[in-house]
């Protein structure tokens, strides 16, 4: 069974993501523009009525995400690594002097040049999963890369390339 997540823009508030469980219960997360998050449980008799609204601190949201799937995803990635000979993951920090600071991911041509893929970017505690080619890097970003040892070393070299003007 595929799980469907509905995203709804809440003007002036943020974004709400809802899902309906296999048992028919509807729950969601409201991500406020100010960074606050609320876990929402809807009334089973009236899916438009909120039965419970639980504000979550950053630590609580992170713990809940870990419980619900972050560790599962890492476990699956680890299993994939065992199945695919030579496939590795690595976190690579973008130094302040990199010529790719304030540049787009697509400008690196990392996948074309190395065969390795940038699958996420970590920035100040936030995770940008599957960033698109227009994503702009900042100094201190940590990129999560999947590929061969040679490919990972190639991405490291690309991102470490200093800006001669900087």
N, C-alpha and C. Protein backbone atom coordinates (compact mmCIF):
# COMPACT_ATOMS: atom_id res chain seq x y z
N UNK A 1 0.84 -1.19 0.00
CA UNK A 1 0.00 0.00 0.00
C UNK A 1 0.88 1.25 0.00
N UNK A 2 0.59 2.19 -0.87
CA UNK A 2 1.30 3.46 -0.90
C UNK A 2 0.63 4.43 0.06
N UNK A 3 1.44 5.15 0.78
CA UNK A 3 0.93 6.16 1.70
C UNK A 3 0.91 7.48 0.96
N UNK A 4 -0.22 8.15 1.03
CA UNK A 4 -0.36 9.45 0.36
C UNK A 4 -0.27 10.55 1.40
N UNK A 5 0.61 11.50 1.17
CA UNK A 5 0.75 12.66 2.04
C UNK A 5 0.24 13.86 1.27
N UNK A 6 -0.68 14.58 1.88
CA UNK A 6 -1.24 15.78 1.25
C UNK A 6 -0.57 17.00 1.86
N UNK A 7 -0.16 17.92 1.02
CA UNK A 7 0.46 19.15 1.47
C UNK A 7 -0.51 20.30 1.20
N UNK A 8 -0.73 21.12 2.23
CA UNK A 8 -1.63 22.26 2.09
C UNK A 8 -0.94 23.52 2.58
N UNK A 9 -0.87 24.53 1.72
CA UNK A 9 -0.32 25.82 2.13
C UNK A 9 -1.30 26.50 3.07
N UNK A 10 -0.77 27.04 4.14
CA UNK A 10 -1.59 27.78 5.10
C UNK A 10 -1.11 29.23 5.08
N UNK A 11 -1.71 30.07 4.25
CA UNK A 11 -1.24 31.45 4.09
C UNK A 11 -1.08 32.17 5.43
N UNK A 12 0.09 32.76 5.60
CA UNK A 12 0.40 33.49 6.82
C UNK A 12 0.80 32.60 7.98
N UNK A 13 0.70 31.29 7.81
CA UNK A 13 1.02 30.36 8.90
C UNK A 13 2.20 29.47 8.52
N UNK A 14 2.08 28.76 7.42
CA UNK A 14 3.11 27.82 6.99
C UNK A 14 2.54 26.75 6.09
N UNK A 15 2.85 25.49 6.39
CA UNK A 15 2.43 24.36 5.56
C UNK A 15 1.93 23.24 6.47
N UNK A 16 0.89 22.55 6.00
CA UNK A 16 0.37 21.39 6.73
C UNK A 16 0.54 20.17 5.85
N UNK A 17 1.06 19.10 6.43
CA UNK A 17 1.17 17.80 5.76
C UNK A 17 0.27 16.83 6.50
N UNK A 18 -0.63 16.18 5.79
CA UNK A 18 -1.57 15.23 6.38
C UNK A 18 -1.42 13.87 5.72
N UNK A 19 -1.72 12.83 6.50
CA UNK A 19 -1.81 11.50 5.93
C UNK A 19 -2.95 10.75 6.62
N UNK A 20 -3.49 9.80 5.90
CA UNK A 20 -4.54 8.94 6.43
C UNK A 20 -3.93 7.56 6.62
N UNK A 21 -4.04 7.04 7.85
CA UNK A 21 -3.48 5.74 8.14
C UNK A 21 -4.33 4.64 7.52
N UNK A 22 -3.81 3.44 7.48
CA UNK A 22 -4.54 2.30 6.94
C UNK A 22 -5.83 2.06 7.72
N UNK A 23 -5.81 2.41 9.03
CA UNK A 23 -7.00 2.22 9.86
C UNK A 23 -8.01 3.36 9.68
N UNK A 24 -7.65 4.36 8.84
CA UNK A 24 -8.59 5.45 8.57
C UNK A 24 -8.39 6.69 9.41
N UNK A 25 -7.42 6.70 10.31
CA UNK A 25 -7.16 7.88 11.12
C UNK A 25 -6.37 8.90 10.32
N UNK A 26 -6.69 10.16 10.49
CA UNK A 26 -6.01 11.25 9.79
C UNK A 26 -5.15 12.01 10.79
N UNK A 27 -3.86 12.18 10.45
CA UNK A 27 -2.98 12.98 11.28
C UNK A 27 -2.10 13.84 10.42
N UNK A 28 -1.52 14.84 11.04
CA UNK A 28 -0.73 15.77 10.26
C UNK A 28 0.30 16.50 11.09
N UNK A 29 1.10 17.27 10.38
CA UNK A 29 2.09 18.14 10.99
C UNK A 29 1.94 19.51 10.36
N UNK A 30 1.80 20.52 11.23
CA UNK A 30 1.77 21.90 10.76
C UNK A 30 3.15 22.49 11.02
N UNK A 31 3.82 22.90 9.94
CA UNK A 31 5.13 23.56 10.04
C UNK A 31 4.91 25.05 9.88
N UNK A 32 5.04 25.77 10.98
CA UNK A 32 4.82 27.21 10.97
C UNK A 32 6.01 27.94 10.36
N UNK A 33 5.76 29.11 9.82
CA UNK A 33 6.82 29.91 9.21
C UNK A 33 7.89 30.29 10.21
N UNK A 34 7.53 30.39 11.50
CA UNK A 34 8.50 30.76 12.53
C UNK A 34 9.32 29.57 13.02
N UNK A 35 9.11 28.38 12.43
CA UNK A 35 9.87 27.20 12.79
C UNK A 35 9.15 26.25 13.74
N UNK A 36 8.08 26.71 14.36
CA UNK A 36 7.32 25.85 15.27
C UNK A 36 6.63 24.75 14.49
N UNK A 37 6.47 23.58 15.13
CA UNK A 37 5.78 22.47 14.51
C UNK A 37 4.73 21.95 15.49
N UNK A 38 3.57 21.56 14.96
CA UNK A 38 2.50 20.97 15.75
C UNK A 38 2.12 19.64 15.13
N UNK A 39 2.02 18.62 15.98
CA UNK A 39 1.49 17.33 15.57
C UNK A 39 -0.01 17.41 15.79
N UNK A 40 -0.80 17.07 14.75
CA UNK A 40 -2.25 17.23 14.79
C UNK A 40 -2.91 15.87 14.58
N UNK A 41 -3.87 15.55 15.45
CA UNK A 41 -4.68 14.34 15.31
C UNK A 41 -6.11 14.79 15.07
N UNK A 42 -6.69 14.35 13.96
CA UNK A 42 -8.03 14.77 13.60
C UNK A 42 -9.08 13.85 14.22
N UNK A 43 -10.25 14.39 14.44
CA UNK A 43 -11.39 13.64 14.98
C UNK A 43 -11.79 12.58 13.96
N UNK A 44 -11.90 11.30 14.38
CA UNK A 44 -12.26 10.24 13.41
C UNK A 44 -13.65 10.42 12.82
N UNK A 45 -14.55 11.11 13.55
CA UNK A 45 -15.90 11.32 13.04
C UNK A 45 -16.02 12.56 12.17
N UNK A 46 -15.05 13.47 12.27
CA UNK A 46 -15.06 14.71 11.48
C UNK A 46 -13.63 15.04 11.09
N UNK A 47 -13.18 14.60 9.91
CA UNK A 47 -11.79 14.79 9.51
C UNK A 47 -11.35 16.25 9.39
N UNK A 48 -12.29 17.19 9.45
CA UNK A 48 -11.92 18.60 9.41
C UNK A 48 -11.77 19.19 10.81
N UNK A 49 -12.07 18.39 11.82
CA UNK A 49 -12.01 18.85 13.21
C UNK A 49 -10.79 18.26 13.90
N UNK A 50 -10.06 19.13 14.59
CA UNK A 50 -8.85 18.71 15.29
C UNK A 50 -9.21 18.13 16.65
N UNK A 51 -8.78 16.90 16.91
CA UNK A 51 -9.02 16.25 18.20
C UNK A 51 -7.90 16.58 19.18
N UNK A 52 -6.66 16.69 18.68
CA UNK A 52 -5.51 17.01 19.53
C UNK A 52 -4.49 17.77 18.71
N UNK A 53 -3.89 18.79 19.32
CA UNK A 53 -2.85 19.60 18.70
C UNK A 53 -1.69 19.63 19.70
N UNK A 54 -0.57 19.01 19.33
CA UNK A 54 0.55 18.88 20.24
C UNK A 54 1.74 19.67 19.70
N UNK A 55 2.06 20.82 20.35
CA UNK A 55 3.25 21.57 19.91
C UNK A 55 4.51 20.76 20.19
N UNK A 56 5.46 20.82 19.27
CA UNK A 56 6.72 20.08 19.42
C UNK A 56 7.90 21.04 19.40
N UNK A 57 8.82 20.88 20.36
CA UNK A 57 10.08 21.63 20.31
C UNK A 57 10.94 21.02 19.21
N UNK A 58 12.02 21.69 18.86
CA UNK A 58 12.93 21.14 17.85
C UNK A 58 13.45 19.77 18.27
N UNK A 59 13.83 19.63 19.54
CA UNK A 59 14.36 18.35 20.03
C UNK A 59 13.29 17.26 19.97
N UNK A 60 12.05 17.61 20.32
CA UNK A 60 10.97 16.63 20.29
C UNK A 60 10.66 16.21 18.85
N UNK A 61 10.64 17.18 17.93
CA UNK A 61 10.37 16.86 16.52
C UNK A 61 11.48 15.97 15.97
N UNK A 62 12.72 16.27 16.34
CA UNK A 62 13.84 15.46 15.87
C UNK A 62 13.76 14.04 16.44
N UNK A 63 13.42 13.93 17.72
CA UNK A 63 13.29 12.60 18.33
C UNK A 63 12.15 11.81 17.69
N UNK A 64 11.04 12.48 17.43
CA UNK A 64 9.91 11.81 16.79
C UNK A 64 10.27 11.35 15.38
N UNK A 65 10.95 12.21 14.64
CA UNK A 65 11.38 11.84 13.29
C UNK A 65 12.31 10.63 13.34
N UNK A 66 13.19 10.60 14.33
CA UNK A 66 14.10 9.47 14.47
C UNK A 66 13.33 8.20 14.77
N UNK A 67 12.38 8.31 15.68
CA UNK A 67 11.57 7.15 16.04
C UNK A 67 10.79 6.65 14.83
N UNK A 68 10.23 7.57 14.05
CA UNK A 68 9.35 7.19 12.95
C UNK A 68 10.06 6.80 11.66
N UNK A 69 11.34 7.12 11.54
CA UNK A 69 11.88 6.68 10.27
C UNK A 69 13.28 7.08 9.90
N UNK A 70 13.85 8.07 10.55
CA UNK A 70 15.21 8.45 10.16
C UNK A 70 16.15 7.28 10.34
N UNK A 71 16.03 6.57 11.47
CA UNK A 71 16.90 5.42 11.69
C UNK A 71 16.57 4.30 10.70
N UNK A 72 15.30 4.17 10.34
CA UNK A 72 14.90 3.17 9.34
C UNK A 72 15.57 3.46 8.01
N UNK A 73 15.55 4.75 7.60
CA UNK A 73 16.16 5.14 6.33
C UNK A 73 17.65 4.84 6.35
N UNK A 74 18.33 5.17 7.44
CA UNK A 74 19.77 4.92 7.52
C UNK A 74 20.05 3.42 7.50
N UNK A 75 19.18 2.64 8.15
CA UNK A 75 19.33 1.19 8.13
C UNK A 75 19.19 0.63 6.72
N UNK A 76 18.21 1.17 5.99
CA UNK A 76 18.00 0.72 4.61
C UNK A 76 19.20 1.11 3.74
N UNK A 77 19.73 2.31 3.96
CA UNK A 77 20.89 2.76 3.20
C UNK A 77 22.09 1.89 3.52
N UNK A 78 22.24 1.52 4.79
CA UNK A 78 23.32 0.63 5.19
C UNK A 78 23.18 -0.72 4.51
N UNK A 79 21.94 -1.25 4.47
CA UNK A 79 21.69 -2.51 3.78
C UNK A 79 22.00 -2.42 2.30
N UNK A 80 21.64 -1.29 1.70
CA UNK A 80 21.94 -1.07 0.29
C UNK A 80 23.45 -1.06 0.06
N UNK A 81 24.15 -0.44 0.98
CA UNK A 81 25.61 -0.37 0.88
C UNK A 81 26.21 -1.77 0.87
N UNK A 82 25.66 -2.66 1.72
CA UNK A 82 26.15 -4.04 1.76
C UNK A 82 25.83 -4.77 0.46
N UNK A 83 24.68 -4.47 -0.13
CA UNK A 83 24.27 -5.16 -1.35
C UNK A 83 25.03 -4.67 -2.58
N UNK A 84 25.37 -3.41 -2.60
CA UNK A 84 26.03 -2.82 -3.77
C UNK A 84 27.52 -2.66 -3.47
N UNK A 85 28.30 -3.56 -4.00
CA UNK A 85 29.74 -3.55 -3.74
C UNK A 85 30.33 -2.21 -4.16
N UNK A 86 31.06 -1.60 -3.24
CA UNK A 86 31.75 -0.36 -3.54
C UNK A 86 30.93 0.90 -3.38
N UNK A 87 29.64 0.78 -3.03
CA UNK A 87 28.81 1.97 -2.85
C UNK A 87 28.99 2.49 -1.43
N UNK A 88 29.35 3.74 -1.29
CA UNK A 88 29.62 4.36 0.00
C UNK A 88 28.82 5.63 0.16
N UNK A 89 28.66 6.07 1.42
CA UNK A 89 28.08 7.38 1.69
C UNK A 89 29.10 8.16 2.51
N UNK A 90 29.07 9.47 2.33
CA UNK A 90 30.01 10.31 3.07
C UNK A 90 29.41 11.70 3.23
N UNK A 91 29.76 12.34 4.33
CA UNK A 91 29.35 13.73 4.57
C UNK A 91 30.56 14.60 4.32
N UNK A 92 30.38 15.61 3.47
CA UNK A 92 31.49 16.47 3.07
C UNK A 92 31.11 17.92 3.36
N UNK A 93 31.91 18.60 4.18
CA UNK A 93 31.65 20.00 4.51
C UNK A 93 32.15 20.91 3.39
N UNK A 94 31.40 21.97 3.14
CA UNK A 94 31.81 22.96 2.14
C UNK A 94 32.58 24.06 2.88
N UNK A 95 33.88 24.18 2.61
CA UNK A 95 34.67 25.19 3.31
C UNK A 95 34.31 26.61 2.86
N UNK A 96 34.55 27.58 3.75
CA UNK A 96 34.21 28.97 3.46
C UNK A 96 34.89 29.47 2.18
N UNK A 97 36.07 28.94 1.85
CA UNK A 97 36.81 29.40 0.68
C UNK A 97 36.43 28.71 -0.62
N UNK A 98 35.48 27.80 -0.58
CA UNK A 98 35.09 27.07 -1.78
C UNK A 98 34.48 28.02 -2.80
N UNK A 99 34.83 27.81 -4.07
CA UNK A 99 34.25 28.66 -5.12
C UNK A 99 32.77 28.36 -5.33
N UNK A 100 32.24 27.30 -4.66
CA UNK A 100 30.83 26.96 -4.82
C UNK A 100 29.94 27.54 -3.73
N UNK A 101 30.51 28.31 -2.78
CA UNK A 101 29.69 29.02 -1.81
C UNK A 101 28.85 30.03 -2.58
N UNK A 102 27.55 30.04 -2.32
CA UNK A 102 26.57 30.90 -3.01
C UNK A 102 26.34 30.51 -4.47
N UNK A 103 26.85 29.36 -4.88
CA UNK A 103 26.62 28.87 -6.24
C UNK A 103 25.61 27.72 -6.20
N UNK A 104 25.05 27.42 -7.36
CA UNK A 104 24.05 26.35 -7.46
C UNK A 104 24.70 24.97 -7.49
N UNK A 105 24.00 24.00 -6.95
CA UNK A 105 24.48 22.62 -6.97
C UNK A 105 24.79 22.21 -8.41
N UNK A 106 23.93 22.58 -9.34
CA UNK A 106 24.15 22.23 -10.74
C UNK A 106 25.44 22.78 -11.31
N UNK A 107 25.94 23.88 -10.73
CA UNK A 107 27.20 24.47 -11.21
C UNK A 107 28.39 23.55 -10.96
N UNK A 108 28.28 22.65 -9.97
CA UNK A 108 29.38 21.74 -9.66
C UNK A 108 29.55 20.65 -10.71
N UNK A 109 28.43 20.29 -11.37
CA UNK A 109 28.42 19.17 -12.32
C UNK A 109 29.02 17.92 -11.66
N UNK A 110 28.79 17.79 -10.34
CA UNK A 110 29.41 16.71 -9.55
C UNK A 110 29.06 15.33 -10.08
N UNK A 111 27.79 15.07 -10.37
CA UNK A 111 27.41 13.74 -10.82
C UNK A 111 28.03 13.43 -12.18
N UNK A 112 28.01 14.39 -13.08
CA UNK A 112 28.58 14.18 -14.42
C UNK A 112 30.09 13.97 -14.33
N UNK A 113 30.75 14.73 -13.46
CA UNK A 113 32.21 14.68 -13.36
C UNK A 113 32.72 13.48 -12.56
N UNK A 114 31.91 12.99 -11.59
CA UNK A 114 32.42 11.96 -10.68
C UNK A 114 31.59 10.68 -10.64
N UNK A 115 30.33 10.74 -11.07
CA UNK A 115 29.44 9.59 -10.95
C UNK A 115 28.80 9.48 -9.58
N UNK A 116 29.18 10.34 -8.64
CA UNK A 116 28.61 10.34 -7.29
C UNK A 116 27.44 11.31 -7.24
N UNK A 117 26.49 11.03 -6.36
CA UNK A 117 25.28 11.86 -6.26
C UNK A 117 25.20 12.55 -4.90
N UNK A 118 24.87 13.84 -4.93
CA UNK A 118 24.58 14.59 -3.71
C UNK A 118 23.11 14.34 -3.39
N UNK A 119 22.85 13.62 -2.29
CA UNK A 119 21.48 13.21 -1.97
C UNK A 119 20.83 14.06 -0.89
N UNK A 120 21.62 14.86 -0.18
CA UNK A 120 21.06 15.74 0.84
C UNK A 120 22.09 16.81 1.19
N UNK A 121 21.59 17.92 1.75
CA UNK A 121 22.47 18.96 2.26
C UNK A 121 21.98 19.31 3.66
N UNK A 122 22.91 19.28 4.61
CA UNK A 122 22.61 19.63 5.99
C UNK A 122 23.06 21.07 6.22
N UNK A 123 22.14 21.90 6.73
CA UNK A 123 22.45 23.32 6.97
C UNK A 123 21.81 23.74 8.28
N UNK A 124 22.65 24.09 9.24
CA UNK A 124 22.17 24.60 10.53
C UNK A 124 21.05 23.76 11.11
N UNK A 125 21.24 22.45 11.14
CA UNK A 125 20.26 21.56 11.74
C UNK A 125 19.10 21.18 10.83
N UNK A 126 19.01 21.78 9.66
CA UNK A 126 17.94 21.44 8.71
C UNK A 126 18.50 20.50 7.65
N UNK A 127 17.66 19.58 7.19
CA UNK A 127 18.07 18.63 6.16
C UNK A 127 17.31 18.96 4.87
N UNK A 128 18.04 19.23 3.82
CA UNK A 128 17.45 19.45 2.50
C UNK A 128 17.66 18.16 1.71
N UNK A 129 16.61 17.34 1.63
CA UNK A 129 16.70 16.04 0.97
C UNK A 129 16.52 16.21 -0.53
N UNK A 130 17.31 15.50 -1.29
CA UNK A 130 17.25 15.53 -2.76
C UNK A 130 17.22 16.95 -3.31
N UNK A 131 18.24 17.75 -2.98
CA UNK A 131 18.25 19.13 -3.48
C UNK A 131 18.31 19.15 -5.01
N UNK A 132 17.59 20.09 -5.60
CA UNK A 132 17.58 20.16 -7.07
C UNK A 132 18.78 20.99 -7.54
N UNK A 133 19.03 21.01 -8.84
CA UNK A 133 20.22 21.70 -9.37
C UNK A 133 20.26 23.19 -9.07
N UNK A 134 19.12 23.82 -8.71
CA UNK A 134 19.12 25.25 -8.41
C UNK A 134 19.43 25.55 -6.94
N UNK A 135 19.56 24.50 -6.12
CA UNK A 135 19.89 24.69 -4.70
C UNK A 135 21.22 25.42 -4.58
N UNK A 136 21.27 26.48 -3.75
CA UNK A 136 22.51 27.26 -3.57
C UNK A 136 23.20 26.86 -2.28
N UNK A 137 24.51 26.59 -2.39
CA UNK A 137 25.31 26.20 -1.24
C UNK A 137 25.68 27.42 -0.39
N UNK A 138 25.92 27.16 0.89
CA UNK A 138 26.43 28.17 1.82
C UNK A 138 27.67 27.59 2.49
N UNK A 139 28.56 28.46 2.95
CA UNK A 139 29.74 28.00 3.68
C UNK A 139 29.27 27.22 4.91
N UNK A 140 29.90 26.08 5.14
CA UNK A 140 29.54 25.26 6.28
C UNK A 140 28.47 24.22 6.00
N UNK A 141 27.84 24.29 4.83
CA UNK A 141 26.89 23.23 4.47
C UNK A 141 27.63 21.90 4.48
N UNK A 142 26.92 20.85 4.84
CA UNK A 142 27.48 19.51 4.78
C UNK A 142 26.64 18.73 3.76
N UNK A 143 27.31 18.27 2.70
CA UNK A 143 26.59 17.51 1.68
C UNK A 143 26.73 16.02 1.97
N UNK A 144 25.64 15.29 1.75
CA UNK A 144 25.65 13.84 1.88
C UNK A 144 25.75 13.29 0.47
N UNK A 145 26.80 12.51 0.23
CA UNK A 145 27.11 12.03 -1.11
C UNK A 145 27.10 10.51 -1.11
N UNK A 146 26.57 9.92 -2.19
CA UNK A 146 26.56 8.47 -2.37
C UNK A 146 27.32 8.18 -3.66
N UNK A 147 28.25 7.23 -3.58
CA UNK A 147 29.00 6.85 -4.77
C UNK A 147 30.15 5.93 -4.42
N UNK A 148 31.05 5.75 -5.37
CA UNK A 148 32.25 4.95 -5.14
C UNK A 148 33.27 5.80 -4.40
N UNK A 149 34.31 5.17 -3.87
CA UNK A 149 35.37 5.92 -3.19
C UNK A 149 35.95 6.97 -4.12
N UNK A 150 36.19 6.60 -5.36
CA UNK A 150 36.75 7.55 -6.33
C UNK A 150 35.79 8.72 -6.55
N UNK A 151 34.48 8.43 -6.66
CA UNK A 151 33.49 9.48 -6.85
C UNK A 151 33.40 10.41 -5.65
N UNK A 152 33.42 9.84 -4.44
CA UNK A 152 33.36 10.66 -3.23
C UNK A 152 34.58 11.56 -3.12
N UNK A 153 35.75 11.01 -3.43
CA UNK A 153 36.97 11.82 -3.40
C UNK A 153 36.89 12.93 -4.45
N UNK A 154 36.28 12.63 -5.59
CA UNK A 154 36.12 13.65 -6.63
C UNK A 154 35.21 14.78 -6.19
N UNK A 155 34.10 14.46 -5.53
CA UNK A 155 33.18 15.50 -5.03
C UNK A 155 33.88 16.33 -3.95
N UNK A 156 34.65 15.67 -3.08
CA UNK A 156 35.40 16.38 -2.04
C UNK A 156 36.33 17.40 -2.69
N UNK A 157 37.05 16.98 -3.74
CA UNK A 157 37.98 17.88 -4.43
C UNK A 157 37.25 19.03 -5.10
N UNK A 158 36.11 18.74 -5.72
CA UNK A 158 35.34 19.79 -6.38
C UNK A 158 34.91 20.85 -5.37
N UNK A 159 34.33 20.41 -4.25
CA UNK A 159 33.80 21.36 -3.27
C UNK A 159 34.90 22.09 -2.51
N UNK A 160 36.09 21.51 -2.44
CA UNK A 160 37.21 22.16 -1.74
C UNK A 160 37.92 23.18 -2.63
N UNK A 161 37.61 23.18 -3.93
CA UNK A 161 38.26 24.10 -4.87
C UNK A 161 38.04 25.52 -4.40
N UNK A 162 39.15 26.23 -4.18
CA UNK A 162 39.06 27.60 -3.65
C UNK A 162 38.69 28.61 -4.72
N UNK A 163 38.00 29.65 -4.26
CA UNK A 163 37.63 30.77 -5.13
C UNK A 163 38.83 31.71 -5.18
N UNK A 164 39.44 31.91 -6.35
CA UNK A 164 40.61 32.78 -6.45
C UNK A 164 40.28 34.24 -6.09
N UNK A 165 38.97 34.60 -6.18
CA UNK A 165 38.59 35.97 -5.84
C UNK A 165 38.28 36.12 -4.36
N UNK A 166 38.12 34.95 -3.65
CA UNK A 166 37.61 34.98 -2.31
C UNK A 166 38.61 35.04 -1.25
